[in-house]
Amino acid sequence: MGPLRARVEKGRLVLDEPTTLPEGTVVDLVADDEGDDLTNEERRALNEALSTSWRSAEAGSLQPASRILDELRRQR
């Protein structure tokens, strides 16, 4: 089952989604603002790192994840 969508009416959550759950099932709804805590500077740095990584992958400069993880573990 995927996320459920509800709207607020008169201070109450109103959910109108079909379900196959049995009657009386308790469902936990979690508020999600769909955002993150990144500053503009952090977001720019992230986007730059992702772009650099993508260009590297397109150029064929790839390594197995296991090798990268091993290297990171050795650096600790």
C-alpha atoms as a PDB file:
ATOM      1  CA  MET A   1       0.000   0.000   0.000  1.00  0.00           C
ATOM      2  CA  GLY A   2       1.374   3.419  -0.940  1.00  0.00           C
ATOM      3  CA  PRO A   3       1.027   6.738   0.846  1.00  0.00           C
ATOM      4  CA  LEU A   4      -2.447   7.959   1.679  1.00  0.00           C
ATOM      5  CA  ARG A   5      -3.606  11.491   0.922  1.00  0.00           C
ATOM      6  CA  ALA A   6      -5.982  13.341   3.237  1.00  0.00           C
ATOM      7  CA  ARG A   7      -7.226  16.918   3.420  1.00  0.00           C
ATOM      8  CA  VAL A   8      -8.103  19.021   6.441  1.00  0.00           C
ATOM      9  CA  GLU A   9     -11.739  20.043   6.842  1.00  0.00           C
ATOM     10  CA  LYS A  10     -12.840  21.926   9.939  1.00  0.00           C
ATOM     11  CA  GLY A  11      -9.728  20.816  11.821  1.00  0.00           C
ATOM     12  CA  ARG A  12     -10.186  17.126  10.971  1.00  0.00           C
ATOM     13  CA  LEU A  13      -8.305  14.893   8.536  1.00  0.00           C
ATOM     14  CA  VAL A  14     -10.608  13.610   5.822  1.00  0.00           C
ATOM     15  CA  LEU A  15      -9.384  10.590   3.918  1.00  0.00           C
ATOM     16  CA  ASP A  16     -11.195   9.360   0.818  1.00  0.00           C
ATOM     17  CA  GLU A  17      -9.043   6.573  -0.575  1.00  0.00           C
ATOM     18  CA  PRO A  18     -10.159   3.093  -1.577  1.00  0.00           C
ATOM     19  CA  THR A  19      -8.552   0.316   0.419  1.00  0.00           C
ATOM     20  CA  THR A  20      -8.674  -3.420   0.835  1.00  0.00           C
ATOM     21  CA  LEU A  21      -7.828  -3.158   4.537  1.00  0.00           C
ATOM     22  CA  PRO A  22     -10.290  -4.853   6.860  1.00  0.00           C
ATOM     23  CA  GLU A  23     -12.729  -2.723   8.855  1.00  0.00           C
ATOM     24  CA  GLY A  24     -11.247  -1.449  12.103  1.00  0.00           C
ATOM     25  CA  THR A  25      -7.656  -1.429  10.852  1.00  0.00           C
ATOM     26  CA  VAL A  26      -5.665   1.365  12.496  1.00  0.00           C
ATOM     27  CA  VAL A  27      -3.445   3.307  10.062  1.00  0.00           C
ATOM     28  CA  ASP A  28      -0.717   5.734  11.180  1.00  0.00           C
ATOM     29  CA  LEU A  29      -0.634   8.877   9.041  1.00  0.00           C
ATOM     30  CA  VAL A  30       2.667  10.782   8.996  1.00  0.00           C
ATOM     31  CA  ALA A  31       2.902  14.457   8.027  1.00  0.00           C
ATOM     32  CA  ASP A  32       5.575  14.991   5.384  1.00  0.00           C
ATOM     33  CA  ASP A  33       6.526  18.434   4.124  1.00  0.00           C
ATOM     34  CA  GLU A  34       8.382  16.829   1.187  1.00  0.00           C
ATOM     35  CA  GLY A  35      11.331  19.112   1.833  1.00  0.00           C
ATOM     36  CA  ASP A  36      14.770  18.997   3.366  1.00  0.00           C
ATOM     37  CA  ASP A  37      17.053  21.096   5.553  1.00  0.00           C
ATOM     38  CA  LEU A  38      19.589  22.117   2.909  1.00  0.00           C
ATOM     39  CA  THR A  39      20.681  25.735   2.660  1.00  0.00           C
ATOM     40  CA  ASN A  40      20.992  27.296  -0.788  1.00  0.00           C
ATOM     41  CA  GLU A  41      24.772  26.870  -0.555  1.00  0.00           C
ATOM     42  CA  GLU A  42      24.474  23.204   0.438  1.00  0.00           C
ATOM     43  CA  ARG A  43      21.984  22.590  -2.381  1.00  0.00           C
ATOM     44  CA  ARG A  44      24.340  24.205  -4.925  1.00  0.00           C
ATOM     45  CA  ALA A  45      27.229  22.053  -3.644  1.00  0.00           C
ATOM     46  CA  LEU A  46      25.089  18.908  -3.834  1.00  0.00           C
ATOM     47  CA  ASN A  47      23.919  19.684  -7.363  1.00  0.00           C
ATOM     48  CA  GLU A  48      27.485  20.410  -8.445  1.00  0.00           C
ATOM     49  CA  ALA A  49      28.728  17.116  -6.961  1.00  0.00           C
ATOM     50  CA  LEU A  50      25.912  15.202  -8.650  1.00  0.00           C
ATOM     51  CA  SER A  51      26.644  16.849 -12.005  1.00  0.00           C
ATOM     52  CA  THR A  52      30.347  16.055 -11.689  1.00  0.00           C
ATOM     53  CA  SER A  53      29.550  12.455 -10.789  1.00  0.00           C
ATOM     54  CA  TRP A  54      27.133  12.116 -13.715  1.00  0.00           C
ATOM     55  CA  ARG A  55      29.713  13.465 -16.189  1.00  0.00           C
ATOM     56  CA  SER A  56      32.261  11.021 -14.783  1.00  0.00           C
ATOM     57  CA  ALA A  57      29.848   8.107 -15.222  1.00  0.00           C
ATOM     58  CA  GLU A  58      29.004   9.172 -18.774  1.00  0.00           C
ATOM     59  CA  ALA A  59      32.735   9.250 -19.558  1.00  0.00           C
ATOM     60  CA  GLY A  60      33.016   5.641 -18.360  1.00  0.00           C
ATOM     61  CA  SER A  61      34.935   6.415 -15.177  1.00  0.00           C
ATOM     62  CA  LEU A  62      33.083   3.912 -13.039  1.00  0.00           C
ATOM     63  CA  GLN A  63      34.163   1.780 -10.087  1.00  0.00           C
ATOM     64  CA  PRO A  64      32.313  -0.994  -8.314  1.00  0.00           C
ATOM     65  CA  ALA A  65      30.567   0.257  -5.174  1.00  0.00           C
ATOM     66  CA  SER A  66      32.359  -2.415  -3.147  1.00  0.00           C
ATOM     67  CA  ARG A  67      35.744  -0.912  -4.061  1.00  0.00           C
ATOM     68  CA  ILE A  68      34.617   2.595  -3.105  1.00  0.00           C
ATOM     69  CA  LEU A  69      33.182   1.367   0.210  1.00  0.00           C
ATOM     70  CA  ASP A  70      36.392  -0.524   0.994  1.00  0.00           C
ATOM     71  CA  GLU A  71      38.408   2.633   0.337  1.00  0.00           C
ATOM     72  CA  LEU A  72      36.143   4.733   2.555  1.00  0.00           C
ATOM     73  CA  ARG A  73      36.418   2.173   5.355  1.00  0.00           C
ATOM     74  CA  ARG A  74      40.221   2.257   5.144  1.00  0.00           C
ATOM     75  CA  GLN A  75      40.156   6.078   5.506  1.00  0.00           C
ATOM     76  CA  ARG A  76      38.403   5.926   8.878  1.00  0.00           C
END
